């Protein structure tokens, strides 16, 4: 990937709040679309369903307790 080792992104309200979409689900969907479009620059076969089910759903399940524990998870380790 031309020297790129990891891609960091924000699926929360921080970067997509300005879109004024209706819900967090809509914001997540927009973020997944942007992430998929970006990843397609390096691999055209990546689909939004792969990003959604192979990464996002697993990641969200893995950080379920974050709002209670305030633990910061090592996303770089997870993405590798």
PDB file of N, CA and C in Angstrom:
ATOM      1  N   UNK A   1       0.829  -1.198   0.000  1.00  0.00           N
ATOM      2  CA  UNK A   1       0.000   0.000   0.000  1.00  0.00           C
ATOM      3  C   UNK A   1       0.868   1.255   0.000  1.00  0.00           C
ATOM      4  N   UNK A   2       1.914   1.254  -0.745  1.00  0.00           N
ATOM      5  CA  UNK A   2       2.754   2.445  -0.908  1.00  0.00           C
ATOM      6  C   UNK A   2       3.236   3.025   0.415  1.00  0.00           C
ATOM      7  N   UNK A   3       3.656   2.172   1.337  1.00  0.00           N
ATOM      8  CA  UNK A   3       4.205   2.642   2.595  1.00  0.00           C
ATOM      9  C   UNK A   3       3.196   2.918   3.686  1.00  0.00           C
ATOM     10  N   UNK A   4       1.908   2.786   3.423  1.00  0.00           N
ATOM     11  CA  UNK A   4       0.892   3.006   4.455  1.00  0.00           C
ATOM     12  C   UNK A   4       0.813   1.752   5.317  1.00  0.00           C
ATOM     13  N   UNK A   5       0.980   1.907   6.609  1.00  0.00           N
ATOM     14  CA  UNK A   5       0.938   0.777   7.514  1.00  0.00           C
ATOM     15  C   UNK A   5      -0.403   0.620   8.207  1.00  0.00           C
ATOM     16  N   UNK A   6      -1.089   1.715   8.464  1.00  0.00           N
ATOM     17  CA  UNK A   6      -2.365   1.647   9.163  1.00  0.00           C
ATOM     18  C   UNK A   6      -3.202   2.874   8.789  1.00  0.00           C
ATOM     19  N   UNK A   7      -4.499   2.707   8.764  1.00  0.00           N
ATOM     20  CA  UNK A   7      -5.409   3.806   8.493  1.00  0.00           C
ATOM     21  C   UNK A   7      -6.237   4.032   9.745  1.00  0.00           C
ATOM     22  N   UNK A   8      -6.167   5.222  10.329  1.00  0.00           N
ATOM     23  CA  UNK A   8      -6.981   5.564  11.479  1.00  0.00           C
ATOM     24  C   UNK A   8      -8.201   6.336  10.985  1.00  0.00           C
ATOM     25  N   UNK A   9      -9.325   6.107  11.598  1.00  0.00           N
ATOM     26  CA  UNK A   9     -10.525   6.814  11.212  1.00  0.00           C
ATOM     27  C   UNK A   9     -11.402   6.991  12.438  1.00  0.00           C
ATOM     28  N   UNK A  10     -12.342   7.898  12.340  1.00  0.00           N
ATOM     29  CA  UNK A  10     -13.242   8.209  13.443  1.00  0.00           C
ATOM     30  C   UNK A  10     -14.659   7.888  13.002  1.00  0.00           C
ATOM     31  N   UNK A  11     -15.259   6.880  13.622  1.00  0.00           N
ATOM     32  CA  UNK A  11     -16.619   6.495  13.263  1.00  0.00           C
ATOM     33  C   UNK A  11     -17.659   7.189  14.133  1.00  0.00           C
ATOM     34  N   UNK A  12     -17.206   8.035  15.028  1.00  0.00           N
ATOM     35  CA  UNK A  12     -18.146   8.725  15.910  1.00  0.00           C
ATOM     36  C   UNK A  12     -18.692   9.993  15.282  1.00  0.00           C
ATOM     37  N   UNK A  13     -19.217  10.849  16.114  1.00  0.00           N
ATOM     38  CA  UNK A  13     -19.842  12.084  15.642  1.00  0.00           C
ATOM     39  C   UNK A  13     -18.840  13.168  15.290  1.00  0.00           C
ATOM     40  N   UNK A  14     -17.604  13.013  15.702  1.00  0.00           N
ATOM     41  CA  UNK A  14     -16.629  14.083  15.547  1.00  0.00           C
ATOM     42  C   UNK A  14     -16.465  14.548  14.113  1.00  0.00           C
ATOM     43  N   UNK A  15     -16.249  13.632  13.184  1.00  0.00           N
ATOM     44  CA  UNK A  15     -15.965  14.017  11.807  1.00  0.00           C
ATOM     45  C   UNK A  15     -17.194  14.058  10.915  1.00  0.00           C
ATOM     46  N   UNK A  16     -18.266  13.402  11.304  1.00  0.00           N
ATOM     47  CA  UNK A  16     -19.441  13.374  10.432  1.00  0.00           C
ATOM     48  C   UNK A  16     -20.613  14.179  10.983  1.00  0.00           C
ATOM     49  N   UNK A  17     -20.432  14.848  12.120  1.00  0.00           N
ATOM     50  CA  UNK A  17     -21.524  15.612  12.723  1.00  0.00           C
ATOM     51  C   UNK A  17     -22.019  16.712  11.779  1.00  0.00           C
ATOM     52  N   UNK A  18     -21.108  17.293  11.031  1.00  0.00           N
ATOM     53  CA  UNK A  18     -21.495  18.401  10.164  1.00  0.00           C
ATOM     54  C   UNK A  18     -22.460  17.975   9.067  1.00  0.00           C
ATOM     55  N   UNK A  19     -22.577  16.678   8.812  1.00  0.00           N
ATOM     56  CA  UNK A  19     -23.519  16.213   7.799  1.00  0.00           C
ATOM     57  C   UNK A  19     -24.965  16.341   8.265  1.00  0.00           C
ATOM     58  N   UNK A  20     -25.157  16.490   9.558  1.00  0.00           N
ATOM     59  CA  UNK A  20     -26.495  16.656  10.134  1.00  0.00           C
ATOM     60  C   UNK A  20     -27.439  15.519   9.736  1.00  0.00           C
ATOM     61  N   UNK A  21     -26.908  14.319   9.761  1.00  0.00           N
ATOM     62  CA  UNK A  21     -27.758  13.173   9.451  1.00  0.00           C
ATOM     63  C   UNK A  21     -28.623  12.844  10.652  1.00  0.00           C
ATOM     64  N   UNK A  22     -29.582  11.986  10.460  1.00  0.00           N
ATOM     65  CA  UNK A  22     -30.619  11.780  11.459  1.00  0.00           C
ATOM     66  C   UNK A  22     -30.182  11.001  12.693  1.00  0.00           C
ATOM     67  N   UNK A  23     -29.301  10.023  12.539  1.00  0.00           N
ATOM     68  CA  UNK A  23     -28.976   9.177  13.686  1.00  0.00           C
ATOM     69  C   UNK A  23     -27.511   8.758  13.644  1.00  0.00           C
ATOM     70  N   UNK A  24     -27.054   8.175  14.753  1.00  0.00           N
ATOM     71  CA  UNK A  24     -25.699   7.636  14.792  1.00  0.00           C
ATOM     72  C   UNK A  24     -25.541   6.508  13.779  1.00  0.00           C
ATOM     73  N   UNK A  25     -26.596   5.745  13.547  1.00  0.00           N
ATOM     74  CA  UNK A  25     -26.524   4.678  12.542  1.00  0.00           C
ATOM     75  C   UNK A  25     -26.263   5.268  11.159  1.00  0.00           C
ATOM     76  N   UNK A  26     -26.935   6.382  10.851  1.00  0.00           N
ATOM     77  CA  UNK A  26     -26.698   7.045   9.567  1.00  0.00           C
ATOM     78  C   UNK A  26     -25.258   7.552   9.480  1.00  0.00           C
ATOM     79  N   UNK A  27     -24.755   8.097  10.581  1.00  0.00           N
ATOM     80  CA  UNK A  27     -23.381   8.596  10.613  1.00  0.00           C
ATOM     81  C   UNK A  27     -22.397   7.446  10.445  1.00  0.00           C
ATOM     82  N   UNK A  28     -22.674   6.326  11.095  1.00  0.00           N
ATOM     83  CA  UNK A  28     -21.810   5.159  10.948  1.00  0.00           C
ATOM     84  C   UNK A  28     -21.810   4.662   9.509  1.00  0.00           C
ATOM     85  N   UNK A  29     -22.980   4.635   8.895  1.00  0.00           N
ATOM     86  CA  UNK A  29     -23.090   4.191   7.505  1.00  0.00           C
ATOM     87  C   UNK A  29     -22.285   5.108   6.583  1.00  0.00           C
ATOM     88  N   UNK A  30     -22.355   6.407   6.816  1.00  0.00           N
ATOM     89  CA  UNK A  30     -21.579   7.346   6.006  1.00  0.00           C
ATOM     90  C   UNK A  30     -20.086   7.121   6.224  1.00  0.00           C
ATOM     91  N   UNK A  31     -19.685   6.918   7.479  1.00  0.00           N
ATOM     92  CA  UNK A  31     -18.282   6.651   7.783  1.00  0.00           C
ATOM     93  C   UNK A  31     -17.790   5.371   7.135  1.00  0.00           C
ATOM     94  N   UNK A  32     -18.623   4.330   7.140  1.00  0.00           N
ATOM     95  CA  UNK A  32     -18.257   3.067   6.493  1.00  0.00           C
ATOM     96  C   UNK A  32     -18.116   3.248   4.988  1.00  0.00           C
ATOM     97  N   UNK A  33     -18.965   4.075   4.414  1.00  0.00           N
ATOM     98  CA  UNK A  33     -18.876   4.369   2.984  1.00  0.00           C
ATOM     99  C   UNK A  33     -17.565   5.072   2.674  1.00  0.00           C
ATOM    100  N   UNK A  34     -17.232   6.101   3.456  1.00  0.00           N
ATOM    101  CA  UNK A  34     -15.984   6.834   3.242  1.00  0.00           C
ATOM    102  C   UNK A  34     -14.775   5.912   3.407  1.00  0.00           C
ATOM    103  N   UNK A  35     -14.789   5.085   4.455  1.00  0.00           N
ATOM    104  CA  UNK A  35     -13.669   4.182   4.699  1.00  0.00           C
ATOM    105  C   UNK A  35     -13.524   3.189   3.553  1.00  0.00           C
ATOM    106  N   UNK A  36     -14.627   2.633   3.078  1.00  0.00           N
ATOM    107  CA  UNK A  36     -14.584   1.679   1.966  1.00  0.00           C
ATOM    108  C   UNK A  36     -14.050   2.347   0.703  1.00  0.00           C
ATOM    109  N   UNK A  37     -14.506   3.554   0.430  1.00  0.00           N
ATOM    110  CA  UNK A  37     -14.009   4.277  -0.745  1.00  0.00           C
ATOM    111  C   UNK A  37     -12.509   4.507  -0.650  1.00  0.00           C
ATOM    112  N   UNK A  38     -12.044   4.842   0.536  1.00  0.00           N
ATOM    113  CA  UNK A  38     -10.608   5.062   0.721  1.00  0.00           C
ATOM    114  C   UNK A  38      -9.833   3.763   0.527  1.00  0.00           C
ATOM    115  N   UNK A  39     -10.307   2.687   1.136  1.00  0.00           N
ATOM    116  CA  UNK A  39      -9.621   1.398   1.019  1.00  0.00           C
ATOM    117  C   UNK A  39      -9.623   0.891  -0.415  1.00  0.00           C
ATOM    118  N   UNK A  40     -10.647   1.244  -1.181  1.00  0.00           N
ATOM    119  CA  UNK A  40     -10.719   0.828  -2.587  1.00  0.00           C
ATOM    120  C   UNK A  40      -9.597   1.416  -3.430  1.00  0.00           C
ATOM    121  N   UNK A  41      -8.973   2.486  -2.966  1.00  0.00           N
ATOM    122  CA  UNK A  41      -7.830   3.040  -3.684  1.00  0.00           C
ATOM    123  C   UNK A  41      -6.667   2.051  -3.693  1.00  0.00           C
ATOM    124  N   UNK A  42      -6.638   1.155  -2.690  1.00  0.00           N
ATOM    125  CA  UNK A  42      -5.544   0.205  -2.547  1.00  0.00           C
ATOM    126  C   UNK A  42      -5.945  -1.210  -2.953  1.00  0.00           C
ATOM    127  N   UNK A  43      -7.251  -1.496  -2.867  1.00  0.00           N
ATOM    128  CA  UNK A  43      -7.750  -2.829  -3.218  1.00  0.00           C
ATOM    129  C   UNK A  43      -9.198  -2.670  -3.673  1.00  0.00           C
ATOM    130  N   UNK A  44      -9.426  -2.748  -4.974  1.00  0.00           N
ATOM    131  CA  UNK A  44     -10.748  -2.497  -5.553  1.00  0.00           C
ATOM    132  C   UNK A  44     -11.787  -3.546  -5.176  1.00  0.00           C
ATOM    133  N   UNK A  45     -11.351  -4.674  -4.641  1.00  0.00           N
ATOM    134  CA  UNK A  45     -12.310  -5.742  -4.350  1.00  0.00           C
ATOM    135  C   UNK A  45     -12.955  -5.617  -2.965  1.00  0.00           C
ATOM    136  N   UNK A  46     -12.513  -4.660  -2.149  1.00  0.00           N
ATOM    137  CA  UNK A  46     -13.087  -4.483  -0.806  1.00  0.00           C
ATOM    138  C   UNK A  46     -14.496  -3.905  -0.942  1.00  0.00           C
ATOM    139  N   UNK A  47     -15.448  -4.537  -0.265  1.00  0.00           N
ATOM    140  CA  UNK A  47     -16.836  -4.070  -0.312  1.00  0.00           C
ATOM    141  C   UNK A  47     -17.233  -3.451   1.022  1.00  0.00           C
ATOM    142  N   UNK A  48     -18.280  -2.651   0.989  1.00  0.00           N
ATOM    143  CA  UNK A  48     -18.774  -2.054   2.226  1.00  0.00           C
ATOM    144  C   UNK A  48     -19.265  -3.133   3.187  1.00  0.00           C
ATOM    145  N   UNK A  49     -19.815  -4.217   2.662  1.00  0.00           N
ATOM    146  CA  UNK A  49     -20.254  -5.308   3.537  1.00  0.00           C
ATOM    147  C   UNK A  49     -19.080  -5.956   4.264  1.00  0.00           C
ATOM    148  N   UNK A  50     -17.943  -6.078   3.588  1.00  0.00           N
ATOM    149  CA  UNK A  50     -16.751  -6.624   4.240  1.00  0.00           C
ATOM    150  C   UNK A  50     -16.263  -5.696   5.344  1.00  0.00           C
ATOM    151  N   UNK A  51     -16.270  -4.406   5.078  1.00  0.00           N
ATOM    152  CA  UNK A  51     -15.830  -3.436   6.085  1.00  0.00           C
ATOM    153  C   UNK A  51     -16.808  -3.432   7.257  1.00  0.00           C
ATOM    154  N   UNK A  52     -18.088  -3.492   6.940  1.00  0.00           N
ATOM    155  CA  UNK A  52     -19.127  -3.462   7.976  1.00  0.00           C
ATOM    156  C   UNK A  52     -19.094  -4.724   8.845  1.00  0.00           C
ATOM    157  N   UNK A  53     -19.080  -5.888   8.199  1.00  0.00           N
ATOM    158  CA  UNK A  53     -19.184  -7.149   8.944  1.00  0.00           C
ATOM    159  C   UNK A  53     -17.843  -7.713   9.385  1.00  0.00           C
ATOM    160  N   UNK A  54     -16.803  -7.487   8.586  1.00  0.00           N
ATOM    161  CA  UNK A  54     -15.498  -8.046   8.908  1.00  0.00           C
ATOM    162  C   UNK A  54     -14.668  -7.179   9.822  1.00  0.00           C
ATOM    163  N   UNK A  55     -15.047  -5.920   9.938  1.00  0.00           N
ATOM    164  CA  UNK A  55     -14.313  -5.026  10.826  1.00  0.00           C
ATOM    165  C   UNK A  55     -15.222  -4.318  11.822  1.00  0.00           C
ATOM    166  N   UNK A  56     -16.153  -3.495  11.335  1.00  0.00           N
ATOM    167  CA  UNK A  56     -16.907  -2.595  12.205  1.00  0.00           C
ATOM    168  C   UNK A  56     -17.727  -3.323  13.271  1.00  0.00           C
ATOM    169  N   UNK A  57     -18.503  -4.329  12.868  1.00  0.00           N
ATOM    170  CA  UNK A  57     -19.333  -5.046  13.851  1.00  0.00           C
ATOM    171  C   UNK A  57     -18.478  -5.754  14.893  1.00  0.00           C
ATOM    172  N   UNK A  58     -17.371  -6.338  14.444  1.00  0.00           N
ATOM    173  CA  UNK A  58     -16.468  -7.030  15.378  1.00  0.00           C
ATOM    174  C   UNK A  58     -15.827  -6.025  16.320  1.00  0.00           C
ATOM    175  N   UNK A  59     -15.391  -4.899  15.775  1.00  0.00           N
ATOM    176  CA  UNK A  59     -14.777  -3.855  16.599  1.00  0.00           C
ATOM    177  C   UNK A  59     -15.774  -3.324  17.635  1.00  0.00           C
ATOM    178  N   UNK A  60     -16.994  -3.021  17.209  1.00  0.00           N
ATOM    179  CA  UNK A  60     -17.992  -2.493  18.138  1.00  0.00           C
ATOM    180  C   UNK A  60     -18.317  -3.495  19.240  1.00  0.00           C
ATOM    181  N   UNK A  61     -18.391  -4.765  18.890  1.00  0.00           N
ATOM    182  CA  UNK A  61     -18.623  -5.795  19.909  1.00  0.00           C
ATOM    183  C   UNK A  61     -17.449  -5.828  20.888  1.00  0.00           C
ATOM    184  N   UNK A  62     -16.253  -5.683  20.373  1.00  0.00           N
ATOM    185  CA  UNK A  62     -15.062  -5.742  21.215  1.00  0.00           C
ATOM    186  C   UNK A  62     -14.915  -4.589  22.173  1.00  0.00           C
ATOM    187  N   UNK A  63     -15.537  -3.454  21.858  1.00  0.00           N
ATOM    188  CA  UNK A  63     -15.408  -2.282  22.743  1.00  0.00           C
ATOM    189  C   UNK A  63     -16.712  -1.953  23.457  1.00  0.00           C
ATOM    190  N   UNK A  64     -17.588  -2.938  23.552  1.00  0.00           N
ATOM    191  CA  UNK A  64     -18.895  -2.723  24.182  1.00  0.00           C
ATOM    192  C   UNK A  64     -18.810  -2.074  25.554  1.00  0.00           C
ATOM    193  N   UNK A  65     -17.829  -2.460  26.350  1.00  0.00           N
ATOM    194  CA  UNK A  65     -17.741  -1.961  27.724  1.00  0.00           C
ATOM    195  C   UNK A  65     -17.029  -0.612  27.832  1.00  0.00           C
ATOM    196  N   UNK A  66     -16.630  -0.034  26.720  1.00  0.00           N
ATOM    197  CA  UNK A  66     -15.848   1.200  26.762  1.00  0.00           C
ATOM    198  C   UNK A  66     -16.580   2.336  27.476  1.00  0.00           C
ATOM    199  N   UNK A  67     -17.885   2.436  27.294  1.00  0.00           N
ATOM    200  CA  UNK A  67     -18.619   3.530  27.939  1.00  0.00           C
ATOM    201  C   UNK A  67     -18.706   3.350  29.451  1.00  0.00           C
ATOM    202  N   UNK A  68     -18.492   2.129  29.923  1.00  0.00           N
ATOM    203  CA  UNK A  68     -18.505   1.882  31.375  1.00  0.00           C
ATOM    204  C   UNK A  68     -17.110   1.921  31.984  1.00  0.00           C
ATOM    205  N   UNK A  69     -16.131   1.426  31.238  1.00  0.00           N
ATOM    206  CA  UNK A  69     -14.776   1.301  31.781  1.00  0.00           C
ATOM    207  C   UNK A  69     -13.859   2.444  31.393  1.00  0.00           C
ATOM    208  N   UNK A  70     -14.235   3.190  30.350  1.00  0.00           N
ATOM    209  CA  UNK A  70     -13.421   4.284  29.815  1.00  0.00           C
ATOM    210  C   UNK A  70     -12.040   3.796  29.370  1.00  0.00           C
ATOM    211  N   UNK A  71     -11.976   2.515  29.032  1.00  0.00           N
ATOM    212  CA  UNK A  71     -10.729   1.915  28.576  1.00  0.00           C
ATOM    213  C   UNK A  71     -10.469   2.321  27.127  1.00  0.00           C
ATOM    214  N   UNK A  72      -9.226   2.659  26.823  1.00  0.00           N
ATOM    215  CA  UNK A  72      -8.831   2.937  25.443  1.00  0.00           C
ATOM    216  C   UNK A  72      -8.297   1.640  24.848  1.00  0.00           C
ATOM    217  N   UNK A  73      -8.868   1.222  23.761  1.00  0.00           N
ATOM    218  CA  UNK A  73      -8.488  -0.026  23.131  1.00  0.00           C
ATOM    219  C   UNK A  73      -7.412   0.187  22.077  1.00  0.00           C
ATOM    220  N   UNK A  74      -6.497  -0.772  21.948  1.00  0.00           N
ATOM    221  CA  UNK A  74      -5.393  -0.636  20.977  1.00  0.00           C
ATOM    222  C   UNK A  74      -5.860  -0.966  19.557  1.00  0.00           C
ATOM    223  N   UNK A  75      -6.514  -0.011  18.918  1.00  0.00           N
ATOM    224  CA  UNK A  75      -7.068  -0.258  17.586  1.00  0.00           C
ATOM    225  C   UNK A  75      -5.980  -0.667  16.596  1.00  0.00           C
ATOM    226  N   UNK A  76      -4.757  -0.162  16.781  1.00  0.00           N
ATOM    227  CA  UNK A  76      -3.680  -0.527  15.854  1.00  0.00           C
ATOM    228  C   UNK A  76      -3.381  -2.021  15.901  1.00  0.00           C
ATOM    229  N   UNK A  77      -3.430  -2.605  17.088  1.00  0.00           N
ATOM    230  CA  UNK A  77      -3.209  -4.051  17.231  1.00  0.00           C
ATOM    231  C   UNK A  77      -4.352  -4.812  16.578  1.00  0.00           C
ATOM    232  N   UNK A  78      -5.573  -4.341  16.790  1.00  0.00           N
ATOM    233  CA  UNK A  78      -6.750  -4.992  16.221  1.00  0.00           C
ATOM    234  C   UNK A  78      -6.725  -4.968  14.686  1.00  0.00           C
ATOM    235  N   UNK A  79      -6.380  -3.814  14.118  1.00  0.00           N
ATOM    236  CA  UNK A  79      -6.370  -3.693  12.666  1.00  0.00           C
ATOM    237  C   UNK A  79      -5.297  -4.551  12.013  1.00  0.00           C
ATOM    238  N   UNK A  80      -4.181  -4.741  12.699  1.00  0.00           N
ATOM    239  CA  UNK A  80      -3.115  -5.594  12.139  1.00  0.00           C
ATOM    240  C   UNK A  80      -3.580  -7.020  12.068  1.00  0.00           C
TER     241      UNK A  80
END
